[in-house]
Protein backbone atom coordinates (compact mmCIF):
# COMPACT_ATOMS: atom_id res chain seq x y z
CA MET A 1 24.16 25.25 41.57
CA SER A 2 20.48 25.63 42.99
CA ARG A 3 17.94 23.35 43.67
CA ALA A 4 15.93 25.02 41.03
CA SER A 5 18.25 25.03 38.62
CA LYS A 6 19.13 21.56 39.10
CA ALA A 7 15.44 20.79 38.70
CA PHE A 8 15.02 22.66 35.12
CA LEU A 9 18.41 20.43 34.38
CA ALA A 10 16.94 17.26 35.09
CA LEU A 11 13.54 18.18 33.42
CA SER A 12 15.30 19.35 30.55
CA ALA A 13 16.73 16.16 30.07
CA VAL A 14 14.04 13.77 30.40
CA GLY A 15 12.15 16.09 28.33
CA THR A 16 14.43 15.66 25.46
CA VAL A 17 15.49 12.01 25.97
CA CYS A 18 11.19 11.75 25.62
CA THR A 19 11.57 13.98 22.35
CA VAL A 20 14.09 11.69 20.88
CA ALA A 21 12.57 8.36 21.49
CA ALA A 22 9.20 9.64 20.11
CA VAL A 23 10.88 10.88 16.91
CA HIS A 24 12.83 7.54 17.08
CA PHE A 25 9.20 5.61 17.05
CA ASN A 26 7.46 7.30 14.72
CA GLN A 27 10.48 7.22 12.25
CA ALA A 28 10.32 3.10 13.20
CA ARG A 29 6.66 3.35 12.42
CA GLU A 30 6.76 5.29 9.16
CA ARG A 31 9.62 3.51 7.73
CA GLN A 32 7.16 -0.08 7.91
CA ARG A 33 4.29 1.81 6.74
CA LEU A 34 6.29 2.60 3.77
CA HIS A 35 7.42 -0.64 3.35
CA GLU A 36 4.18 -2.35 3.51
CA GLY A 37 2.72 0.42 0.61
CA THR A 38 5.52 -1.14 -0.92
CA LEU A 39 4.35 -4.90 -0.86
CA ARG A 40 0.67 -3.93 -1.77
CA ASP A 41 2.08 -2.24 -4.67
CA LEU A 42 3.98 -5.37 -5.97
CA GLU A 43 0.68 -7.35 -5.09
CA ARG A 44 -1.38 -4.92 -7.08
CA LEU A 45 0.94 -5.37 -9.74
CA GLU A 46 0.89 -9.05 -9.69
CA ARG A 47 -3.19 -8.75 -9.91
CA LYS A 48 -2.72 -6.66 -12.69
CA LYS A 49 -0.53 -9.17 -14.85
CA GLU A 50 -2.75 -11.96 -13.95
CA ASN A 51 -5.81 -9.92 -14.91
CA ALA A 52 -4.30 -9.16 -18.38
CA ARG A 53 -2.98 -12.61 -18.82
CA ARG A 54 -6.39 -14.37 -18.02
CA GLN A 55 -7.88 -11.36 -20.31
CA GLU A 56 -5.39 -12.75 -22.93
CA GLU A 57 -6.64 -16.05 -22.54
CA ASP A 58 -10.35 -15.05 -22.85
CA TRP A 59 -9.63 -13.35 -26.26
CA LYS A 60 -7.89 -16.42 -27.70
CA SER A 61 -10.43 -18.83 -26.42
CA GLY A 62 -12.83 -16.58 -28.10
CA PHE A 63 -14.83 -15.58 -25.14
CA GLY A 64 -14.03 -11.54 -25.16
CA PRO A 65 -16.62 -9.04 -24.03
CA LEU A 66 -17.65 -8.22 -27.60
CA GLU A 67 -18.04 -11.62 -28.52
CA ALA A 68 -21.65 -12.04 -26.52
CA GLU A 69 -22.77 -9.33 -28.70
CA ARG A 70 -21.80 -10.85 -31.80
CA ARG A 71 -23.45 -13.92 -31.10
CA PRO A 72 -27.42 -14.27 -32.07
CA VAL A 73 -29.68 -14.82 -29.52
CA ASP A 74 -32.67 -15.81 -31.32
CA GLY A 75 -30.40 -17.62 -34.39
CA VAL A 76 -30.81 -14.81 -36.46
CA PRO A 77 -27.20 -13.12 -37.71
CA ARG A 78 -27.26 -9.30 -36.84
């Protein structure tokens, strides 16, 4: 083989190895991002459940959002 063909083969091999390594790195990073998104969704659902539970407790205790409108400010019922 000539020197030019050996150099081309070597450069092709290095380029291929770099490309494969970059693809694997990108896949690992994307997989991590997807996993973090799942964790954020689970946290969001937990906050939503907690807010719903608190709202239910507020309604049961009589402090719902409309309760302030029903209370007479000056003592005169509306």
